[in-house]
Amino acid sequence: MPSDLFLAFVAYAFVTSITPGPNNTLLLASGATYGFRRTVPMILGVTLGFSFMVLAVGLGLGGVFLASPMLHEIIRVTGAGYLAYLAWKMASAPVEGIDRTDARPLGFARMAAFQWVNPKAWIMAVGAVATYAPQERFIANIALLALVYLMVNAPCVTLWAGFGTMLRGILASPLRQRLFNIVMALMLLGSLYPILTAVV
């Protein structure tokens, strides 16, 4: 991959990883609710799950996705429905205290699987492969894209979880926690607007 194209992709990976979206909103909320340590499996699920998705899209799944408008719509509707469900769960979560040990964050497997119904993840992966993977040495380029996303995405999503963790002191009050949960749920729903109106 030419160096100018590589640098452009690193910038693309950074911007798409650091900006608000479903993954980052969920990590922010988890950091605030469960703390950083308990959110680490979610961070790993996002990072590894999405990097694997880039590989899969690059190795053929992306062609199926682009060739089938119906599949695209199914993913968008399924993803939107799941995000709406998560927003409802977030807004209605119990607020007996942020240190409850019986409640659990989504975890590694659920966050890795979530990438496949996350409309923003599909836009990011298909955009990366279509724009930044030259046909010459294509498989090596796809592997490079996945590796770069792994290295860029991890610190970006970690920042969101860390910022959520910093809010824990502010959220000691059940009323503040309830308001925070509602705001996070609304942000999660708001993240659907650009995704569902985007032309992929």
N, C-alpha and C. Protein backbone atom coordinates (compact mmCIF):
# COMPACT_ATOMS: atom_id res chain seq x y z
N MET A 1 0.84 -1.18 0.00
CA MET A 1 0.00 0.00 0.00
C MET A 1 0.88 1.24 0.00
N PRO A 2 0.65 2.19 -0.90
CA PRO A 2 1.45 3.42 -0.93
C PRO A 2 1.34 4.18 0.40
N SER A 3 2.43 4.87 0.76
CA SER A 3 2.47 5.53 2.07
C SER A 3 1.40 6.60 2.22
N ASP A 4 1.09 7.35 1.14
CA ASP A 4 0.08 8.40 1.26
C ASP A 4 -1.31 7.78 1.51
N LEU A 5 -1.58 6.66 0.85
CA LEU A 5 -2.86 5.98 1.06
C LEU A 5 -2.92 5.39 2.47
N PHE A 6 -1.79 4.87 2.94
CA PHE A 6 -1.73 4.31 4.28
C PHE A 6 -2.01 5.38 5.33
N LEU A 7 -1.38 6.55 5.19
CA LEU A 7 -1.59 7.64 6.15
C LEU A 7 -3.04 8.13 6.11
N ALA A 8 -3.61 8.18 4.91
CA ALA A 8 -5.01 8.57 4.79
C ALA A 8 -5.91 7.57 5.52
N PHE A 9 -5.58 6.28 5.41
CA PHE A 9 -6.38 5.27 6.09
C PHE A 9 -6.24 5.37 7.60
N VAL A 10 -5.04 5.63 8.09
CA VAL A 10 -4.85 5.78 9.54
C VAL A 10 -5.74 6.92 10.05
N ALA A 11 -5.80 8.02 9.30
CA ALA A 11 -6.66 9.14 9.69
C ALA A 11 -8.13 8.72 9.67
N TYR A 12 -8.53 7.97 8.63
CA TYR A 12 -9.91 7.47 8.53
C TYR A 12 -10.24 6.56 9.71
N ALA A 13 -9.31 5.66 10.04
CA ALA A 13 -9.52 4.73 11.15
C ALA A 13 -9.67 5.49 12.46
N PHE A 14 -8.84 6.52 12.64
CA PHE A 14 -8.92 7.30 13.88
C PHE A 14 -10.25 8.04 13.99
N VAL A 15 -10.62 8.73 12.93
CA VAL A 15 -11.86 9.53 12.97
C VAL A 15 -13.08 8.64 13.19
N THR A 16 -13.14 7.52 12.48
CA THR A 16 -14.30 6.64 12.63
C THR A 16 -14.31 5.92 13.98
N SER A 17 -13.15 5.74 14.59
CA SER A 17 -13.08 5.06 15.88
C SER A 17 -13.35 5.98 17.06
N ILE A 18 -12.97 7.24 16.96
CA ILE A 18 -13.06 8.15 18.10
C ILE A 18 -14.40 8.88 18.17
N THR A 19 -15.09 8.99 17.04
CA THR A 19 -16.34 9.75 17.03
C THR A 19 -17.46 8.97 17.69
N PRO A 20 -18.48 9.69 18.18
CA PRO A 20 -19.59 9.01 18.85
C PRO A 20 -20.29 8.03 17.93
N GLY A 21 -20.76 6.97 18.51
CA GLY A 21 -21.51 5.93 17.80
C GLY A 21 -21.99 4.92 18.82
N PRO A 22 -22.64 3.88 18.36
CA PRO A 22 -23.17 2.87 19.30
C PRO A 22 -22.11 2.24 20.20
N ASN A 23 -20.98 1.83 19.64
CA ASN A 23 -19.93 1.20 20.46
C ASN A 23 -19.46 2.14 21.56
N ASN A 24 -19.11 3.37 21.18
CA ASN A 24 -18.55 4.31 22.15
C ASN A 24 -19.57 4.72 23.20
N THR A 25 -20.82 4.85 22.81
CA THR A 25 -21.86 5.19 23.79
C THR A 25 -22.03 4.06 24.80
N LEU A 26 -22.04 2.82 24.33
CA LEU A 26 -22.16 1.68 25.24
C LEU A 26 -20.96 1.58 26.18
N LEU A 27 -19.76 1.87 25.66
CA LEU A 27 -18.56 1.81 26.49
C LEU A 27 -18.55 2.93 27.52
N LEU A 28 -18.97 4.12 27.14
CA LEU A 28 -19.07 5.23 28.07
C LEU A 28 -20.03 4.88 29.21
N ALA A 29 -21.19 4.37 28.86
CA ALA A 29 -22.19 4.00 29.86
C ALA A 29 -21.68 2.87 30.76
N SER A 30 -21.00 1.88 30.18
CA SER A 30 -20.49 0.77 30.97
C SER A 30 -19.39 1.23 31.92
N GLY A 31 -18.50 2.10 31.44
CA GLY A 31 -17.46 2.63 32.32
C GLY A 31 -18.05 3.36 33.50
N ALA A 32 -19.10 4.15 33.26
CA ALA A 32 -19.75 4.90 34.34
C ALA A 32 -20.50 3.99 35.30
N THR A 33 -21.10 2.94 34.76
CA THR A 33 -21.93 2.06 35.59
C THR A 33 -21.13 0.98 36.30
N TYR A 34 -20.19 0.36 35.59
CA TYR A 34 -19.49 -0.81 36.13
C TYR A 34 -18.03 -0.57 36.46
N GLY A 35 -17.47 0.55 36.03
CA GLY A 35 -16.05 0.81 36.24
C GLY A 35 -15.21 0.30 35.08
N PHE A 36 -13.97 0.74 35.04
CA PHE A 36 -13.11 0.42 33.90
C PHE A 36 -12.78 -1.06 33.81
N ARG A 37 -12.38 -1.65 34.95
CA ARG A 37 -11.93 -3.05 34.92
C ARG A 37 -13.01 -3.98 34.38
N ARG A 38 -14.26 -3.78 34.80
CA ARG A 38 -15.33 -4.65 34.34
C ARG A 38 -15.75 -4.34 32.90
N THR A 39 -15.28 -3.21 32.37
CA THR A 39 -15.60 -2.85 30.99
C THR A 39 -14.55 -3.35 30.00
N VAL A 40 -13.39 -3.77 30.50
CA VAL A 40 -12.30 -4.23 29.61
C VAL A 40 -12.76 -5.33 28.64
N PRO A 41 -13.53 -6.34 29.07
CA PRO A 41 -13.98 -7.34 28.08
C PRO A 41 -14.80 -6.72 26.95
N MET A 42 -15.59 -5.69 27.25
CA MET A 42 -16.34 -5.01 26.19
C MET A 42 -15.40 -4.30 25.21
N ILE A 43 -14.36 -3.66 25.76
CA ILE A 43 -13.36 -2.98 24.92
C ILE A 43 -12.72 -3.99 23.97
N LEU A 44 -12.32 -5.13 24.51
CA LEU A 44 -11.70 -6.18 23.68
C LEU A 44 -12.69 -6.73 22.66
N GLY A 45 -13.96 -6.86 23.06
CA GLY A 45 -14.98 -7.35 22.12
C GLY A 45 -15.15 -6.42 20.94
N VAL A 46 -15.18 -5.10 21.21
CA VAL A 46 -15.31 -4.12 20.12
C VAL A 46 -14.08 -4.18 19.22
N THR A 47 -12.91 -4.11 19.82
CA THR A 47 -11.67 -4.01 19.04
C THR A 47 -11.41 -5.27 18.21
N LEU A 48 -11.45 -6.43 18.85
CA LEU A 48 -11.17 -7.67 18.12
C LEU A 48 -12.32 -8.04 17.18
N GLY A 49 -13.55 -7.84 17.65
CA GLY A 49 -14.71 -8.15 16.82
C GLY A 49 -14.75 -7.31 15.56
N PHE A 50 -14.45 -6.02 15.69
CA PHE A 50 -14.48 -5.17 14.51
C PHE A 50 -13.31 -5.48 13.57
N SER A 51 -12.14 -5.72 14.10
CA SER A 51 -10.99 -6.05 13.23
C SER A 51 -11.27 -7.33 12.45
N PHE A 52 -11.88 -8.33 13.10
CA PHE A 52 -12.26 -9.55 12.39
C PHE A 52 -13.29 -9.25 11.32
N MET A 53 -14.20 -8.34 11.61
CA MET A 53 -15.22 -7.97 10.64
C MET A 53 -14.59 -7.34 9.40
N VAL A 54 -13.57 -6.49 9.58
CA VAL A 54 -12.86 -5.89 8.44
C VAL A 54 -12.25 -6.98 7.58
N LEU A 55 -11.63 -7.98 8.22
CA LEU A 55 -11.07 -9.12 7.47
C LEU A 55 -12.16 -9.83 6.67
N ALA A 56 -13.27 -10.12 7.33
CA ALA A 56 -14.35 -10.86 6.67
C ALA A 56 -14.93 -10.07 5.51
N VAL A 57 -15.12 -8.77 5.70
CA VAL A 57 -15.65 -7.93 4.62
C VAL A 57 -14.67 -7.91 3.46
N GLY A 58 -13.39 -7.74 3.78
CA GLY A 58 -12.38 -7.70 2.73
C GLY A 58 -12.22 -8.99 1.97
N LEU A 59 -12.46 -10.11 2.63
CA LEU A 59 -12.29 -11.42 2.00
C LEU A 59 -13.55 -11.94 1.33
N GLY A 60 -14.54 -11.07 1.15
CA GLY A 60 -15.68 -11.49 0.34
C GLY A 60 -17.05 -11.13 0.85
N LEU A 61 -17.19 -11.03 2.15
CA LEU A 61 -18.51 -10.74 2.69
C LEU A 61 -19.00 -9.36 2.27
N GLY A 62 -18.07 -8.42 2.10
CA GLY A 62 -18.45 -7.08 1.68
C GLY A 62 -19.11 -7.07 0.32
N GLY A 63 -18.64 -7.93 -0.60
CA GLY A 63 -19.25 -8.01 -1.92
C GLY A 63 -20.69 -8.47 -1.85
N VAL A 64 -20.95 -9.44 -0.98
CA VAL A 64 -22.32 -9.92 -0.80
C VAL A 64 -23.18 -8.81 -0.22
N PHE A 65 -22.64 -8.10 0.75
CA PHE A 65 -23.36 -7.01 1.39
C PHE A 65 -23.71 -5.91 0.38
N LEU A 66 -22.74 -5.54 -0.44
CA LEU A 66 -22.98 -4.46 -1.42
C LEU A 66 -23.89 -4.92 -2.55
N ALA A 67 -23.84 -6.19 -2.90
CA ALA A 67 -24.65 -6.69 -4.02
C ALA A 67 -26.11 -6.93 -3.64
N SER A 68 -26.39 -6.97 -2.36
CA SER A 68 -27.74 -7.30 -1.92
C SER A 68 -28.36 -6.16 -1.11
N PRO A 69 -29.13 -5.30 -1.77
CA PRO A 69 -29.79 -4.22 -1.02
C PRO A 69 -30.70 -4.75 0.09
N MET A 70 -31.29 -5.92 -0.13
CA MET A 70 -32.17 -6.48 0.89
C MET A 70 -31.39 -6.84 2.16
N LEU A 71 -30.19 -7.43 1.98
CA LEU A 71 -29.35 -7.75 3.13
C LEU A 71 -28.97 -6.47 3.88
N HIS A 72 -28.67 -5.44 3.12
CA HIS A 72 -28.34 -4.15 3.72
C HIS A 72 -29.49 -3.64 4.58
N GLU A 73 -30.70 -3.72 4.05
CA GLU A 73 -31.86 -3.26 4.81
C GLU A 73 -32.12 -4.12 6.04
N ILE A 74 -31.92 -5.43 5.91
CA ILE A 74 -32.11 -6.33 7.05
C ILE A 74 -31.14 -5.96 8.17
N ILE A 75 -29.88 -5.72 7.81
CA ILE A 75 -28.88 -5.36 8.81
C ILE A 75 -29.23 -4.02 9.46
N ARG A 76 -29.65 -3.06 8.66
CA ARG A 76 -29.99 -1.74 9.22
C ARG A 76 -31.19 -1.84 10.17
N VAL A 77 -32.21 -2.58 9.76
CA VAL A 77 -33.41 -2.69 10.61
C VAL A 77 -33.10 -3.51 11.86
N THR A 78 -32.39 -4.63 11.70
CA THR A 78 -32.03 -5.46 12.85
C THR A 78 -31.15 -4.69 13.81
N GLY A 79 -30.15 -4.00 13.26
CA GLY A 79 -29.25 -3.21 14.10
C GLY A 79 -29.99 -2.10 14.83
N ALA A 80 -30.88 -1.41 14.12
CA ALA A 80 -31.66 -0.34 14.75
C ALA A 80 -32.54 -0.89 15.85
N GLY A 81 -33.17 -2.03 15.60
CA GLY A 81 -34.02 -2.65 16.61
C GLY A 81 -33.23 -3.04 17.85
N TYR A 82 -32.05 -3.62 17.64
CA TYR A 82 -31.23 -4.03 18.77
C TYR A 82 -30.73 -2.82 19.56
N LEU A 83 -30.33 -1.76 18.84
CA LEU A 83 -29.89 -0.55 19.53
C LEU A 83 -31.03 0.08 20.31
N ALA A 84 -32.24 0.07 19.76
CA ALA A 84 -33.40 0.60 20.49
C ALA A 84 -33.65 -0.23 21.75
N TYR A 85 -33.50 -1.55 21.64
CA TYR A 85 -33.64 -2.43 22.81
C TYR A 85 -32.59 -2.10 23.87
N LEU A 86 -31.32 -1.93 23.44
CA LEU A 86 -30.27 -1.59 24.39
C LEU A 86 -30.53 -0.23 25.03
N ALA A 87 -31.04 0.73 24.25
CA ALA A 87 -31.36 2.05 24.79
C ALA A 87 -32.44 1.93 25.87
N TRP A 88 -33.47 1.12 25.61
CA TRP A 88 -34.52 0.91 26.59
C TRP A 88 -33.96 0.28 27.86
N LYS A 89 -33.11 -0.75 27.71
CA LYS A 89 -32.51 -1.41 28.87
C LYS A 89 -31.66 -0.43 29.66
N MET A 90 -30.95 0.45 28.96
CA MET A 90 -30.10 1.42 29.61
C MET A 90 -30.94 2.43 30.39
N ALA A 91 -31.99 2.94 29.76
CA ALA A 91 -32.83 3.96 30.40
C ALA A 91 -33.60 3.41 31.58
N SER A 92 -33.95 2.14 31.53
CA SER A 92 -34.77 1.55 32.59
C SER A 92 -33.96 0.73 33.59
N ALA A 93 -32.63 0.79 33.49
CA ALA A 93 -31.78 0.00 34.40
C ALA A 93 -31.98 0.46 35.84
N PRO A 94 -31.91 -0.48 36.79
CA PRO A 94 -32.05 -0.10 38.21
C PRO A 94 -30.95 0.88 38.62
N VAL A 95 -31.26 1.78 39.53
CA VAL A 95 -30.28 2.78 39.96
C VAL A 95 -30.04 2.70 41.47
N GLU A 96 -29.99 1.48 41.99
CA GLU A 96 -29.75 1.33 43.43
C GLU A 96 -28.34 1.73 43.81
N GLY A 97 -27.48 1.86 42.84
CA GLY A 97 -26.10 2.25 43.12
C GLY A 97 -25.18 1.73 42.03
N ILE A 98 -24.10 2.47 41.78
CA ILE A 98 -23.23 2.09 40.68
C ILE A 98 -22.28 0.96 41.05
N ASP A 99 -22.26 0.55 42.30
CA ASP A 99 -21.35 -0.51 42.71
C ASP A 99 -22.04 -1.86 42.87
N ARG A 100 -23.22 -2.02 42.31
CA ARG A 100 -23.91 -3.30 42.39
C ARG A 100 -23.08 -4.40 41.75
N THR A 101 -22.95 -5.53 42.42
CA THR A 101 -22.12 -6.61 41.89
C THR A 101 -22.95 -7.64 41.13
N ASP A 102 -24.29 -7.58 41.26
CA ASP A 102 -25.12 -8.57 40.56
C ASP A 102 -25.35 -8.19 39.10
N ALA A 103 -25.22 -6.91 38.78
CA ALA A 103 -25.41 -6.46 37.39
C ALA A 103 -24.14 -6.73 36.61
N ARG A 104 -24.31 -6.98 35.31
CA ARG A 104 -23.15 -7.31 34.48
C ARG A 104 -23.15 -6.48 33.21
N PRO A 105 -21.95 -6.03 32.77
CA PRO A 105 -21.87 -5.37 31.46
C PRO A 105 -22.07 -6.40 30.35
N LEU A 106 -22.15 -5.93 29.10
CA LEU A 106 -22.43 -6.82 27.98
C LEU A 106 -21.37 -7.91 27.80
N GLY A 107 -20.11 -7.61 28.04
CA GLY A 107 -19.06 -8.61 27.95
C GLY A 107 -18.45 -8.75 26.55
N PHE A 108 -17.41 -9.60 26.47
CA PHE A 108 -16.63 -9.75 25.25
C PHE A 108 -17.46 -10.31 24.09
N ALA A 109 -18.08 -11.47 24.30
CA ALA A 109 -18.76 -12.17 23.20
C ALA A 109 -19.91 -11.34 22.64
N ARG A 110 -20.69 -10.72 23.51
CA ARG A 110 -21.84 -9.95 23.04
C ARG A 110 -21.40 -8.71 22.28
N MET A 111 -20.31 -8.06 22.73
CA MET A 111 -19.84 -6.87 22.01
C MET A 111 -19.19 -7.26 20.68
N ALA A 112 -18.49 -8.39 20.64
CA ALA A 112 -17.91 -8.85 19.37
C ALA A 112 -19.03 -9.19 18.39
N ALA A 113 -20.06 -9.89 18.86
CA ALA A 113 -21.19 -10.23 17.99
C ALA A 113 -21.99 -8.99 17.60
N PHE A 114 -22.03 -8.00 18.48
CA PHE A 114 -22.78 -6.77 18.21
C PHE A 114 -22.27 -6.06 16.95
N GLN A 115 -20.97 -6.23 16.64
CA GLN A 115 -20.42 -5.55 15.46
C GLN A 115 -21.19 -5.93 14.20
N TRP A 116 -21.73 -7.14 14.15
CA TRP A 116 -22.39 -7.63 12.94
C TRP A 116 -23.79 -7.05 12.75
N VAL A 117 -24.36 -6.45 13.79
CA VAL A 117 -25.65 -5.76 13.64
C VAL A 117 -25.51 -4.26 13.90
N ASN A 118 -24.30 -3.80 14.04
CA ASN A 118 -24.03 -2.38 14.26
C ASN A 118 -23.90 -1.70 12.89
N PRO A 119 -24.88 -0.90 12.50
CA PRO A 119 -24.82 -0.28 11.17
C PRO A 119 -23.57 0.58 10.96
N LYS A 120 -23.12 1.29 12.00
CA LYS A 120 -21.91 2.11 11.84
C LYS A 120 -20.70 1.23 11.55
N ALA A 121 -20.61 0.07 12.20
CA ALA A 121 -19.48 -0.84 11.96
C ALA A 121 -19.47 -1.30 10.50
N TRP A 122 -20.65 -1.60 9.95
CA TRP A 122 -20.72 -1.99 8.53
C TRP A 122 -20.25 -0.86 7.62
N ILE A 123 -20.69 0.35 7.91
CA ILE A 123 -20.29 1.50 7.10
C ILE A 123 -18.77 1.68 7.17
N MET A 124 -18.21 1.57 8.37
CA MET A 124 -16.77 1.73 8.55
C MET A 124 -16.00 0.64 7.80
N ALA A 125 -16.42 -0.60 7.95
CA ALA A 125 -15.69 -1.72 7.34
C ALA A 125 -15.77 -1.69 5.82
N VAL A 126 -16.98 -1.51 5.29
CA VAL A 126 -17.14 -1.48 3.83
C VAL A 126 -16.42 -0.27 3.25
N GLY A 127 -16.50 0.88 3.94
CA GLY A 127 -15.80 2.08 3.47
C GLY A 127 -14.29 1.89 3.45
N ALA A 128 -13.76 1.24 4.48
CA ALA A 128 -12.32 1.00 4.54
C ALA A 128 -11.85 0.10 3.41
N VAL A 129 -12.55 -1.00 3.20
CA VAL A 129 -12.15 -1.96 2.16
C VAL A 129 -12.30 -1.35 0.76
N ALA A 130 -13.43 -0.68 0.54
CA ALA A 130 -13.69 -0.12 -0.80
C ALA A 130 -12.75 1.01 -1.15
N THR A 131 -12.31 1.78 -0.16
CA THR A 131 -11.52 2.98 -0.43
C THR A 131 -10.02 2.78 -0.27
N TYR A 132 -9.62 1.96 0.70
CA TYR A 132 -8.20 1.93 1.07
C TYR A 132 -7.49 0.61 0.81
N ALA A 133 -8.09 -0.31 0.07
CA ALA A 133 -7.44 -1.60 -0.19
C ALA A 133 -7.16 -1.75 -1.68
N PRO A 134 -5.96 -1.37 -2.14
CA PRO A 134 -5.62 -1.55 -3.55
C PRO A 134 -5.70 -3.03 -3.95
N GLN A 135 -6.06 -3.27 -5.21
CA GLN A 135 -6.21 -4.65 -5.70
C GLN A 135 -4.89 -5.40 -5.73
N GLU A 136 -3.80 -4.71 -5.99
CA GLU A 136 -2.49 -5.36 -5.99
C GLU A 136 -2.16 -5.78 -4.56
N ARG A 137 -1.82 -7.05 -4.38
CA ARG A 137 -1.57 -7.63 -3.06
C ARG A 137 -2.77 -7.40 -2.15
N PHE A 138 -3.94 -7.69 -2.65
CA PHE A 138 -5.19 -7.36 -1.98
C PHE A 138 -5.31 -7.99 -0.60
N ILE A 139 -5.01 -9.28 -0.49
CA ILE A 139 -5.15 -9.97 0.81
C ILE A 139 -4.22 -9.36 1.85
N ALA A 140 -2.99 -9.04 1.44
CA ALA A 140 -2.05 -8.40 2.37
C ALA A 140 -2.58 -7.03 2.78
N ASN A 141 -3.18 -6.31 1.85
CA ASN A 141 -3.74 -4.99 2.18
C ASN A 141 -4.91 -5.10 3.15
N ILE A 142 -5.76 -6.11 2.96
CA ILE A 142 -6.88 -6.32 3.87
C ILE A 142 -6.36 -6.64 5.28
N ALA A 143 -5.34 -7.50 5.35
CA ALA A 143 -4.75 -7.82 6.66
C ALA A 143 -4.17 -6.57 7.31
N LEU A 144 -3.56 -5.71 6.51
CA LEU A 144 -3.00 -4.46 7.03
C LEU A 144 -4.11 -3.55 7.56
N LEU A 145 -5.23 -3.45 6.82
CA LEU A 145 -6.35 -2.63 7.29
C LEU A 145 -6.86 -3.13 8.64
N ALA A 146 -7.01 -4.44 8.76
CA ALA A 146 -7.51 -5.02 10.02
C ALA A 146 -6.53 -4.75 11.16
N LEU A 147 -5.23 -4.87 10.88
CA LEU A 147 -4.21 -4.63 11.91
C LEU A 147 -4.20 -3.17 12.34
N VAL A 148 -4.28 -2.27 11.37
CA VAL A 148 -4.30 -0.84 11.71
C VAL A 148 -5.54 -0.52 12.54
N TYR A 149 -6.69 -1.05 12.14
CA TYR A 149 -7.89 -0.80 12.93
C TYR A 149 -7.74 -1.35 14.34
N LEU A 150 -7.10 -2.50 14.48
CA LEU A 150 -6.87 -3.08 15.80
C LEU A 150 -6.06 -2.11 16.66
N MET A 151 -5.00 -1.53 16.08
CA MET A 151 -4.10 -0.66 16.84
C MET A 151 -4.70 0.73 17.08
N VAL A 152 -5.50 1.22 16.15
CA VAL A 152 -6.09 2.57 16.29
C VAL A 152 -7.37 2.52 17.12
N ASN A 153 -8.19 1.51 16.89
CA ASN A 153 -9.48 1.42 17.55
C ASN A 153 -9.34 1.21 19.06
N ALA A 154 -8.39 0.38 19.46
CA ALA A 154 -8.25 0.03 20.88
C ALA A 154 -8.08 1.25 21.77
N PRO A 155 -7.12 2.15 21.50
CA PRO A 155 -7.00 3.32 22.39
C PRO A 155 -8.19 4.26 22.31
N CYS A 156 -8.81 4.35 21.13
CA CYS A 156 -9.96 5.26 20.98
C CYS A 156 -11.14 4.80 21.84
N VAL A 157 -11.49 3.52 21.74
CA VAL A 157 -12.63 3.05 22.52
C VAL A 157 -12.29 2.97 24.00
N THR A 158 -11.01 2.76 24.33
CA THR A 158 -10.57 2.76 25.72
C THR A 158 -10.79 4.14 26.35
N LEU A 159 -10.54 5.20 25.57
CA LEU A 159 -10.78 6.56 26.07
C LEU A 159 -12.24 6.76 26.46
N TRP A 160 -13.15 6.25 25.65
CA TRP A 160 -14.57 6.39 25.97
C TRP A 160 -14.92 5.67 27.27
N ALA A 161 -14.41 4.46 27.45
CA ALA A 161 -14.67 3.72 28.69
C ALA A 161 -14.03 4.43 29.88
N GLY A 162 -12.82 4.97 29.65
CA GLY A 162 -12.13 5.69 30.72
C GLY A 162 -12.87 6.96 31.12
N PHE A 163 -13.39 7.66 30.14
CA PHE A 163 -14.16 8.87 30.45
C PHE A 163 -15.41 8.51 31.25
N GLY A 164 -16.06 7.43 30.87
CA GLY A 164 -17.22 6.98 31.64
C GLY A 164 -16.84 6.66 33.07
N THR A 165 -15.69 6.02 33.26
CA THR A 165 -15.22 5.68 34.60
C THR A 165 -14.99 6.94 35.43
N MET A 166 -14.49 8.00 34.81
CA MET A 166 -14.26 9.25 35.52
C MET A 166 -15.57 9.87 36.03
N LEU A 167 -16.68 9.51 35.41
CA LEU A 167 -17.98 10.06 35.81
C LEU A 167 -18.59 9.35 37.02
N ARG A 168 -17.99 8.27 37.46
CA ARG A 168 -18.59 7.46 38.53
C ARG A 168 -18.85 8.26 39.80
N GLY A 169 -17.94 9.14 40.17
CA GLY A 169 -18.13 9.94 41.38
C GLY A 169 -19.33 10.86 41.28
N ILE A 170 -19.53 11.41 40.09
CA ILE A 170 -20.67 12.31 39.85
C ILE A 170 -21.97 11.53 39.92
N LEU A 171 -21.93 10.25 39.57
CA LEU A 171 -23.15 9.45 39.47
C LEU A 171 -23.49 8.69 40.74
N ALA A 172 -22.90 9.10 41.87
CA ALA A 172 -23.19 8.40 43.12
C ALA A 172 -24.65 8.56 43.52
N SER A 173 -25.25 9.66 43.15
CA SER A 173 -26.67 9.88 43.47
C SER A 173 -27.55 9.10 42.51
N PRO A 174 -28.55 8.37 43.02
CA PRO A 174 -29.46 7.63 42.14
C PRO A 174 -30.16 8.52 41.11
N LEU A 175 -30.50 9.75 41.49
CA LEU A 175 -31.15 10.67 40.55
C LEU A 175 -30.21 11.01 39.40
N ARG A 176 -28.96 11.32 39.72
CA ARG A 176 -27.98 11.63 38.67
C ARG A 176 -27.74 10.41 37.77
N GLN A 177 -27.70 9.24 38.39
CA GLN A 177 -27.49 8.04 37.59
C GLN A 177 -28.67 7.80 36.65
N ARG A 178 -29.89 8.01 37.16
CA ARG A 178 -31.07 7.86 36.31
C ARG A 178 -31.02 8.84 35.14
N LEU A 179 -30.67 10.11 35.41
CA LEU A 179 -30.57 11.10 34.34
C LEU A 179 -29.47 10.72 33.35
N PHE A 180 -28.34 10.24 33.86
CA PHE A 180 -27.25 9.81 32.99
C PHE A 180 -27.70 8.66 32.09
N ASN A 181 -28.38 7.68 32.67
CA ASN A 181 -28.85 6.54 31.88
C ASN A 181 -29.80 6.99 30.78
N ILE A 182 -30.67 7.93 31.09
CA ILE A 182 -31.62 8.43 30.08
C ILE A 182 -30.87 9.18 28.98
N VAL A 183 -29.90 10.02 29.37
CA VAL A 183 -29.12 10.75 28.37
C VAL A 183 -28.35 9.79 27.47
N MET A 184 -27.74 8.75 28.08
CA MET A 184 -27.00 7.76 27.28
C MET A 184 -27.94 7.00 26.34
N ALA A 185 -29.13 6.68 26.82
CA ALA A 185 -30.10 5.99 25.97
C ALA A 185 -30.50 6.88 24.80
N LEU A 186 -30.71 8.16 25.05
CA LEU A 186 -31.06 9.10 23.98
C LEU A 186 -29.90 9.27 22.99
N MET A 187 -28.66 9.30 23.53
CA MET A 187 -27.50 9.38 22.62
C MET A 187 -27.41 8.13 21.74
N LEU A 188 -27.68 6.99 22.34
CA LEU A 188 -27.65 5.74 21.57
C LEU A 188 -28.70 5.77 20.46
N LEU A 189 -29.89 6.22 20.80
CA LEU A 189 -30.94 6.36 19.78
C LEU A 189 -30.56 7.42 18.75
N GLY A 190 -29.95 8.51 19.21
CA GLY A 190 -29.52 9.57 18.29
C GLY A 190 -28.46 9.10 17.32
N SER A 191 -27.63 8.14 17.76
CA SER A 191 -26.58 7.63 16.86
C SER A 191 -27.17 6.88 15.68
N LEU A 192 -28.44 6.52 15.78
CA LEU A 192 -29.10 5.82 14.67
C LEU A 192 -29.41 6.74 13.50
N TYR A 193 -29.65 8.01 13.77
CA TYR A 193 -30.10 8.92 12.71
C TYR A 193 -29.16 8.97 11.50
N PRO A 194 -27.87 9.32 11.73
CA PRO A 194 -26.99 9.37 10.55
C PRO A 194 -26.76 8.01 9.91
N ILE A 195 -26.82 6.96 10.72
CA ILE A 195 -26.60 5.61 10.20
C ILE A 195 -27.75 5.18 9.31
N LEU A 196 -28.97 5.41 9.77
CA LEU A 196 -30.12 4.96 9.02
C LEU A 196 -30.43 5.84 7.81
N THR A 197 -29.95 7.08 7.82
CA THR A 197 -30.19 7.96 6.68
C THR A 197 -29.02 7.98 5.71
N ALA A 198 -27.90 7.31 6.07
CA ALA A 198 -26.72 7.29 5.18
C ALA A 198 -26.99 6.39 3.98
N VAL A 199 -26.39 6.76 2.87
CA VAL A 199 -26.45 5.92 1.67
C VAL A 199 -25.17 5.14 1.62
N VAL A 200 -25.27 3.82 1.72
CA VAL A 200 -24.08 2.97 1.72
C VAL A 200 -23.89 2.36 0.35
